[in-house]
Amino acid sequence: MLVQLTKGVEMEKKKIGLKAIETLKKLYPEAICSLEYKTPFQLLCATMLSAQCTDARVNKITPNLFAKYPDVETMSKAKKEDVEKIIYSCGFYKNKANNLVEMSKKLIKDFNGEIPSTIDELTTLPGVGRKTANLIVGDVFGKSAIVADTHLIRIANRLGLVNSKNPVIVERELKELLPEKEQNDFCHRCVLHGRAVCKSQKPRCEECLLAEFCPKNY
């Protein structure tokens, strides 16, 4: 009986997940990352900078950063103090500057200057956690990926797809619930919807098209 109940819950979650996917597709046809970049390496750097910082702020910083250090070779030779001055306004700038330089050195040393295509390899790079690694795997290599940022975690919990704020648990459970080909774009769309409608403090449920099947109506 317990097994049947568990299966029933999972089936209901999958139905809600599919409804959310289709609804968000209509709202945000272009599921794109809001970080601005020209190369995979630049996306990796920008994503590392976005930790505890808004994408809008990162996009103001990266033009100057990439003008001086556009690729892995130049970044690997950068003086950390110079990088710190450029990225100062994004918070945790000393740690981030160190990670950018050390990450670039490790890419050259261990991966011939190329960005690896797996989560396990990416997370060996200084300053690269699972959230960043998933974004690169999805956006650069076109693989299924769950980028468990704050917007995705919030919306997935409100929809009842998960019951955890732990990014690792959210990533694992959504990977089992959502079709592989939809995962990466769903995450991007949740970010867009979280910023526009399903806000943290004052969600605008009265105008949310997910409200029809969302159990958390605030």
C-alpha atoms as a PDB file:
ATOM      1  CA  MET A   1       0.000   0.000   0.000  1.00  0.00           C
ATOM      2  CA  LEU A   2       2.852   2.364   0.915  1.00  0.00           C
ATOM      3  CA  VAL A   3       4.597   1.620  -2.380  1.00  0.00           C
ATOM      4  CA  GLN A   4       1.417   2.412  -4.316  1.00  0.00           C
ATOM      5  CA  LEU A   5       0.966   5.669  -2.387  1.00  0.00           C
ATOM      6  CA  THR A   6       4.555   6.677  -3.099  1.00  0.00           C
ATOM      7  CA  LYS A   7       4.129   5.913  -6.798  1.00  0.00           C
ATOM      8  CA  GLY A   8       0.924   7.922  -6.831  1.00  0.00           C
ATOM      9  CA  VAL A   9       2.665  10.955  -5.305  1.00  0.00           C
ATOM     10  CA  GLU A  10       5.494  10.723  -7.815  1.00  0.00           C
ATOM     11  CA  MET A  11       3.062  10.466 -10.716  1.00  0.00           C
ATOM     12  CA  GLU A  12       1.217  13.568  -9.494  1.00  0.00           C
ATOM     13  CA  LYS A  13       4.497  15.446  -9.187  1.00  0.00           C
ATOM     14  CA  LYS A  14       5.431  14.495 -12.733  1.00  0.00           C
ATOM     15  CA  LYS A  15       2.059  15.754 -14.000  1.00  0.00           C
ATOM     16  CA  ILE A  16       2.542  19.084 -12.238  1.00  0.00           C
ATOM     17  CA  GLY A  17       6.101  19.266 -13.550  1.00  0.00           C
ATOM     18  CA  LEU A  18       4.928  18.777 -17.135  1.00  0.00           C
ATOM     19  CA  LYS A  19       2.187  21.392 -16.698  1.00  0.00           C
ATOM     20  CA  ALA A  20       4.745  23.854 -15.344  1.00  0.00           C
ATOM     21  CA  ILE A  21       7.110  23.148 -18.241  1.00  0.00           C
ATOM     22  CA  GLU A  22       4.439  23.813 -20.858  1.00  0.00           C
ATOM     23  CA  THR A  23       3.094  26.908 -19.101  1.00  0.00           C
ATOM     24  CA  LEU A  24       6.522  28.487 -18.707  1.00  0.00           C
ATOM     25  CA  LYS A  25       7.333  27.709 -22.351  1.00  0.00           C
ATOM     26  CA  LYS A  26       4.435  29.917 -23.398  1.00  0.00           C
ATOM     27  CA  LEU A  27       5.443  32.687 -21.016  1.00  0.00           C
ATOM     28  CA  TYR A  28       9.166  32.621 -21.790  1.00  0.00           C
ATOM     29  CA  PRO A  29       9.740  31.086 -25.246  1.00  0.00           C
ATOM     30  CA  GLU A  30      13.414  32.013 -25.215  1.00  0.00           C
ATOM     31  CA  ALA A  31      14.886  30.207 -22.255  1.00  0.00           C
ATOM     32  CA  ILE A  32      18.230  31.947 -22.165  1.00  0.00           C
ATOM     33  CA  CYS A  33      20.766  32.684 -19.477  1.00  0.00           C
ATOM     34  CA  SER A  34      20.724  36.354 -18.493  1.00  0.00           C
ATOM     35  CA  LEU A  35      24.502  36.492 -18.132  1.00  0.00           C
ATOM     36  CA  GLU A  36      26.246  38.151 -21.075  1.00  0.00           C
ATOM     37  CA  TYR A  37      29.232  36.405 -22.667  1.00  0.00           C
ATOM     38  CA  LYS A  38      30.858  35.572 -25.991  1.00  0.00           C
ATOM     39  CA  THR A  39      32.659  32.299 -25.264  1.00  0.00           C
ATOM     40  CA  PRO A  40      32.163  29.279 -22.993  1.00  0.00           C
ATOM     41  CA  PHE A  41      35.131  30.424 -20.895  1.00  0.00           C
ATOM     42  CA  GLN A  42      33.520  33.815 -20.384  1.00  0.00           C
ATOM     43  CA  LEU A  43      30.258  32.159 -19.344  1.00  0.00           C
ATOM     44  CA  LEU A  44      32.178  30.107 -16.794  1.00  0.00           C
ATOM     45  CA  CYS A  45      33.801  33.246 -15.378  1.00  0.00           C
ATOM     46  CA  ALA A  46      30.524  35.172 -15.307  1.00  0.00           C
ATOM     47  CA  THR A  47      28.733  32.332 -13.539  1.00  0.00           C
ATOM     48  CA  MET A  48      31.465  32.161 -10.900  1.00  0.00           C
ATOM     49  CA  LEU A  49      31.072  35.899 -10.325  1.00  0.00           C
ATOM     50  CA  SER A  50      27.288  35.581  -9.973  1.00  0.00           C
ATOM     51  CA  ALA A  51      27.520  33.773  -6.628  1.00  0.00           C
ATOM     52  CA  GLN A  52      25.868  36.028  -4.022  1.00  0.00           C
ATOM     53  CA  CYS A  53      25.520  38.687  -6.714  1.00  0.00           C
ATOM     54  CA  THR A  54      22.847  39.635  -9.242  1.00  0.00           C
ATOM     55  CA  ASP A  55      23.291  38.851 -12.931  1.00  0.00           C
ATOM     56  CA  ALA A  56      22.661  42.524 -13.679  1.00  0.00           C
ATOM     57  CA  ARG A  57      25.648  43.528 -11.547  1.00  0.00           C
ATOM     58  CA  VAL A  58      27.831  40.838 -13.137  1.00  0.00           C
ATOM     59  CA  ASN A  59      26.891  42.103 -16.606  1.00  0.00           C
ATOM     60  CA  LYS A  60      28.164  45.556 -15.637  1.00  0.00           C
ATOM     61  CA  ILE A  61      31.490  44.127 -14.473  1.00  0.00           C
ATOM     62  CA  THR A  62      32.346  41.596 -17.167  1.00  0.00           C
ATOM     63  CA  PRO A  63      32.832  43.971 -20.156  1.00  0.00           C
ATOM     64  CA  ASN A  64      35.878  45.510 -18.452  1.00  0.00           C
ATOM     65  CA  LEU A  65      37.040  42.141 -17.142  1.00  0.00           C
ATOM     66  CA  PHE A  66      36.825  40.422 -20.534  1.00  0.00           C
ATOM     67  CA  ALA A  67      38.343  43.379 -22.362  1.00  0.00           C
ATOM     68  CA  LYS A  68      41.514  42.806 -20.354  1.00  0.00           C
ATOM     69  CA  TYR A  69      41.281  39.045 -19.824  1.00  0.00           C
ATOM     70  CA  PRO A  70      39.198  37.586 -22.699  1.00  0.00           C
ATOM     71  CA  ASP A  71      40.412  33.990 -22.535  1.00  0.00           C
ATOM     72  CA  VAL A  72      41.930  31.318 -20.352  1.00  0.00           C
ATOM     73  CA  GLU A  73      45.518  32.211 -21.267  1.00  0.00           C
ATOM     74  CA  THR A  74      45.269  35.866 -20.310  1.00  0.00           C
ATOM     75  CA  MET A  75      43.267  35.146 -17.157  1.00  0.00           C
ATOM     76  CA  SER A  76      45.783  32.537 -16.013  1.00  0.00           C
ATOM     77  CA  LYS A  77      48.541  35.183 -16.162  1.00  0.00           C
ATOM     78  CA  ALA A  78      46.521  37.939 -14.503  1.00  0.00           C
ATOM     79  CA  LYS A  79      47.599  39.511 -11.244  1.00  0.00           C
ATOM     80  CA  LYS A  80      44.935  38.779  -8.684  1.00  0.00           C
ATOM     81  CA  GLU A  81      45.132  42.333  -7.350  1.00  0.00           C
ATOM     82  CA  ASP A  82      44.254  43.679 -10.804  1.00  0.00           C
ATOM     83  CA  VAL A  83      41.303  41.316 -11.114  1.00  0.00           C
ATOM     84  CA  GLU A  84      40.131  42.370  -7.648  1.00  0.00           C
ATOM     85  CA  LYS A  85      39.986  46.014  -8.722  1.00  0.00           C
ATOM     86  CA  ILE A  86      37.777  45.189 -11.703  1.00  0.00           C
ATOM     87  CA  ILE A  87      35.330  42.902  -9.873  1.00  0.00           C
ATOM     88  CA  TYR A  88      35.299  44.779  -6.558  1.00  0.00           C
ATOM     89  CA  SER A  89      31.597  45.666  -6.668  1.00  0.00           C
ATOM     90  CA  CYS A  90      30.312  42.094  -7.023  1.00  0.00           C
ATOM     91  CA  GLY A  91      31.076  41.023  -3.456  1.00  0.00           C
ATOM     92  CA  PHE A  92      33.547  38.435  -2.120  1.00  0.00           C
ATOM     93  CA  TYR A  93      35.877  39.929  -4.728  1.00  0.00           C
ATOM     94  CA  LYS A  94      39.134  38.662  -3.210  1.00  0.00           C
ATOM     95  CA  ASN A  95      37.987  35.063  -3.157  1.00  0.00           C
ATOM     96  CA  LYS A  96      36.431  35.346  -6.616  1.00  0.00           C
ATOM     97  CA  ALA A  97      39.553  36.933  -8.112  1.00  0.00           C
ATOM     98  CA  ASN A  98      41.684  34.152  -6.677  1.00  0.00           C
ATOM     99  CA  ASN A  99      39.312  31.496  -8.030  1.00  0.00           C
ATOM    100  CA  LEU A 100      39.219  33.022 -11.525  1.00  0.00           C
ATOM    101  CA  VAL A 101      42.990  32.987 -11.827  1.00  0.00           C
ATOM    102  CA  GLU A 102      43.484  29.569 -10.222  1.00  0.00           C
ATOM    103  CA  MET A 103      40.626  28.060 -12.239  1.00  0.00           C
ATOM    104  CA  SER A 104      42.300  29.267 -15.436  1.00  0.00           C
ATOM    105  CA  LYS A 105      45.655  27.817 -14.405  1.00  0.00           C
ATOM    106  CA  LYS A 106      44.053  24.452 -13.677  1.00  0.00           C
ATOM    107  CA  LEU A 107      42.225  24.456 -17.015  1.00  0.00           C
ATOM    108  CA  ILE A 108      45.563  24.852 -18.780  1.00  0.00           C
ATOM    109  CA  LYS A 109      47.397  22.373 -16.558  1.00  0.00           C
ATOM    110  CA  ASP A 110      44.815  19.586 -16.428  1.00  0.00           C
ATOM    111  CA  PHE A 111      42.522  20.130 -19.427  1.00  0.00           C
ATOM    112  CA  ASN A 112      44.739  21.669 -22.124  1.00  0.00           C
ATOM    113  CA  GLY A 113      42.919  24.964 -21.717  1.00  0.00           C
ATOM    114  CA  GLU A 114      39.560  23.431 -22.677  1.00  0.00           C
ATOM    115  CA  ILE A 115      36.464  23.488 -20.479  1.00  0.00           C
ATOM    116  CA  PRO A 116      35.554  19.928 -19.433  1.00  0.00           C
ATOM    117  CA  SER A 117      32.082  18.627 -20.222  1.00  0.00           C
ATOM    118  CA  THR A 118      31.191  16.693 -17.056  1.00  0.00           C
ATOM    119  CA  ILE A 119      30.002  17.753 -13.609  1.00  0.00           C
ATOM    120  CA  ASP A 120      32.727  15.725 -11.895  1.00  0.00           C
ATOM    121  CA  GLU A 121      35.514  17.347 -13.910  1.00  0.00           C
ATOM    122  CA  LEU A 122      34.111  20.866 -13.684  1.00  0.00           C
ATOM    123  CA  THR A 123      33.788  20.707  -9.906  1.00  0.00           C
ATOM    124  CA  THR A 124      37.526  20.031  -9.593  1.00  0.00           C
ATOM    125  CA  LEU A 125      38.097  23.622 -10.724  1.00  0.00           C
ATOM    126  CA  PRO A 126      38.603  26.236  -7.979  1.00  0.00           C
ATOM    127  CA  GLY A 127      35.401  28.164  -7.305  1.00  0.00           C
ATOM    128  CA  VAL A 128      33.175  25.882  -9.389  1.00  0.00           C
ATOM    129  CA  GLY A 129      30.329  24.209  -7.504  1.00  0.00           C
ATOM    130  CA  ARG A 130      27.507  22.038  -8.805  1.00  0.00           C
ATOM    131  CA  LYS A 131      25.292  25.015  -9.684  1.00  0.00           C
ATOM    132  CA  THR A 132      27.961  26.512 -11.945  1.00  0.00           C
ATOM    133  CA  ALA A 133      28.920  23.116 -13.346  1.00  0.00           C
ATOM    134  CA  ASN A 134      25.323  22.309 -14.264  1.00  0.00           C
ATOM    135  CA  LEU A 135      24.907  25.620 -16.049  1.00  0.00           C
ATOM    136  CA  ILE A 136      28.010  24.971 -18.153  1.00  0.00           C
ATOM    137  CA  VAL A 137      27.005  21.379 -18.898  1.00  0.00           C
ATOM    138  CA  GLY A 138      23.568  22.529 -20.017  1.00  0.00           C
ATOM    139  CA  ASP A 139      24.300  25.775 -21.856  1.00  0.00           C
ATOM    140  CA  VAL A 140      27.671  24.920 -23.394  1.00  0.00           C
ATOM    141  CA  PHE A 141      27.400  21.186 -24.014  1.00  0.00           C
ATOM    142  CA  GLY A 142      23.631  20.835 -24.432  1.00  0.00           C
ATOM    143  CA  LYS A 143      23.284  18.100 -21.835  1.00  0.00           C
ATOM    144  CA  SER A 144      20.438  17.691 -19.358  1.00  0.00           C
ATOM    145  CA  ALA A 145      21.134  19.792 -16.283  1.00  0.00           C
ATOM    146  CA  ILE A 146      19.422  21.153 -13.202  1.00  0.00           C
ATOM    147  CA  VAL A 147      20.775  24.544 -12.106  1.00  0.00           C
ATOM    148  CA  ALA A 148      19.515  24.709  -8.538  1.00  0.00           C
ATOM    149  CA  ASP A 149      19.541  28.438  -7.948  1.00  0.00           C
ATOM    150  CA  THR A 150      17.303  30.266  -5.456  1.00  0.00           C
ATOM    151  CA  HIS A 151      14.484  30.895  -7.948  1.00  0.00           C
ATOM    152  CA  LEU A 152      14.277  27.280  -9.064  1.00  0.00           C
ATOM    153  CA  ILE A 153      14.391  26.007  -5.489  1.00  0.00           C
ATOM    154  CA  ARG A 154      11.626  28.392  -4.426  1.00  0.00           C
ATOM    155  CA  ILE A 155       9.307  27.603  -7.339  1.00  0.00           C
ATOM    156  CA  ALA A 156       9.900  23.840  -7.191  1.00  0.00           C
ATOM    157  CA  ASN A 157       8.987  23.865  -3.488  1.00  0.00           C
ATOM    158  CA  ARG A 158       5.881  26.001  -4.007  1.00  0.00           C
ATOM    159  CA  LEU A 159       4.694  23.698  -6.771  1.00  0.00           C
ATOM    160  CA  GLY A 160       5.220  20.700  -4.495  1.00  0.00           C
ATOM    161  CA  LEU A 161       7.778  19.097  -6.792  1.00  0.00           C
ATOM    162  CA  VAL A 162      10.307  18.961  -3.966  1.00  0.00           C
ATOM    163  CA  ASN A 163      10.292  19.526  -0.225  1.00  0.00           C
ATOM    164  CA  SER A 164      13.818  20.737   0.419  1.00  0.00           C
ATOM    165  CA  LYS A 165      15.942  23.859   0.115  1.00  0.00           C
ATOM    166  CA  ASN A 166      19.107  21.803  -0.198  1.00  0.00           C
ATOM    167  CA  PRO A 167      20.414  22.404  -3.756  1.00  0.00           C
ATOM    168  CA  VAL A 168      21.851  18.892  -4.057  1.00  0.00           C
ATOM    169  CA  ILE A 169      18.549  17.273  -3.068  1.00  0.00           C
ATOM    170  CA  VAL A 170      16.562  19.584  -5.356  1.00  0.00           C
ATOM    171  CA  GLU A 171      18.892  18.777  -8.252  1.00  0.00           C
ATOM    172  CA  ARG A 172      18.630  15.031  -7.676  1.00  0.00           C
ATOM    173  CA  GLU A 173      14.842  14.939  -7.285  1.00  0.00           C
ATOM    174  CA  LEU A 174      14.080  17.193 -10.264  1.00  0.00           C
ATOM    175  CA  LYS A 175      16.361  15.100 -12.455  1.00  0.00           C
ATOM    176  CA  GLU A 176      14.121  12.133 -11.687  1.00  0.00           C
ATOM    177  CA  LEU A 177      10.877  14.065 -12.221  1.00  0.00           C
ATOM    178  CA  LEU A 178      11.465  16.158 -15.330  1.00  0.00           C
ATOM    179  CA  PRO A 179      12.156  14.943 -18.892  1.00  0.00           C
ATOM    180  CA  GLU A 180      15.865  15.235 -19.652  1.00  0.00           C
ATOM    181  CA  LYS A 181      15.409  17.376 -22.761  1.00  0.00           C
ATOM    182  CA  GLU A 182      13.387  19.955 -20.768  1.00  0.00           C
ATOM    183  CA  GLN A 183      15.523  20.283 -17.660  1.00  0.00           C
ATOM    184  CA  ASN A 184      17.976  23.012 -18.622  1.00  0.00           C
ATOM    185  CA  ASP A 185      15.411  25.329 -20.220  1.00  0.00           C
ATOM    186  CA  PHE A 186      12.981  24.784 -17.333  1.00  0.00           C
ATOM    187  CA  CYS A 187      15.623  26.088 -14.927  1.00  0.00           C
ATOM    188  CA  HIS A 188      16.211  29.230 -17.000  1.00  0.00           C
ATOM    189  CA  ARG A 189      12.471  29.856 -17.231  1.00  0.00           C
ATOM    190  CA  CYS A 190      12.072  29.465 -13.475  1.00  0.00           C
ATOM    191  CA  VAL A 191      14.679  32.174 -12.975  1.00  0.00           C
ATOM    192  CA  LEU A 192      12.772  34.500 -15.287  1.00  0.00           C
ATOM    193  CA  HIS A 193       9.436  33.671 -13.624  1.00  0.00           C
ATOM    194  CA  GLY A 194      10.910  34.025 -10.153  1.00  0.00           C
ATOM    195  CA  ARG A 195      12.139  37.511 -10.923  1.00  0.00           C
ATOM    196  CA  ALA A 196       8.953  38.654 -12.641  1.00  0.00           C
ATOM    197  CA  VAL A 197       6.095  36.948 -10.774  1.00  0.00           C
ATOM    198  CA  CYS A 198       6.895  34.230  -8.221  1.00  0.00           C
ATOM    199  CA  LYS A 199       8.945  36.499  -6.004  1.00  0.00           C
ATOM    200  CA  SER A 200      10.366  35.462  -2.664  1.00  0.00           C
ATOM    201  CA  GLN A 201       8.627  37.994  -0.402  1.00  0.00           C
ATOM    202  CA  LYS A 202       5.543  39.075  -2.358  1.00  0.00           C
ATOM    203  CA  PRO A 203       4.607  36.481  -4.999  1.00  0.00           C
ATOM    204  CA  ARG A 204       2.049  37.798  -7.470  1.00  0.00           C
ATOM    205  CA  CYS A 205      -0.204  34.732  -7.402  1.00  0.00           C
ATOM    206  CA  GLU A 206      -3.194  36.625  -8.750  1.00  0.00           C
ATOM    207  CA  GLU A 207      -1.448  36.979 -12.115  1.00  0.00           C
ATOM    208  CA  CYS A 208       0.556  33.744 -12.076  1.00  0.00           C
ATOM    209  CA  LEU A 209      -0.428  31.176 -14.690  1.00  0.00           C
ATOM    210  CA  LEU A 210       1.025  28.435 -12.495  1.00  0.00           C
ATOM    211  CA  ALA A 211      -1.495  29.213  -9.744  1.00  0.00           C
ATOM    212  CA  GLU A 212      -4.069  26.862 -11.287  1.00  0.00           C
ATOM    213  CA  PHE A 213      -2.059  23.829 -10.190  1.00  0.00           C
ATOM    214  CA  CYS A 214       0.145  25.371  -7.493  1.00  0.00           C
ATOM    215  CA  PRO A 215      -0.748  24.218  -3.937  1.00  0.00           C
ATOM    216  CA  LYS A 216       1.061  27.216  -2.385  1.00  0.00           C
ATOM    217  CA  ASN A 217      -1.274  30.148  -3.057  1.00  0.00           C
ATOM    218  CA  TYR A 218       0.090  33.046  -1.021  1.00  0.00           C
END
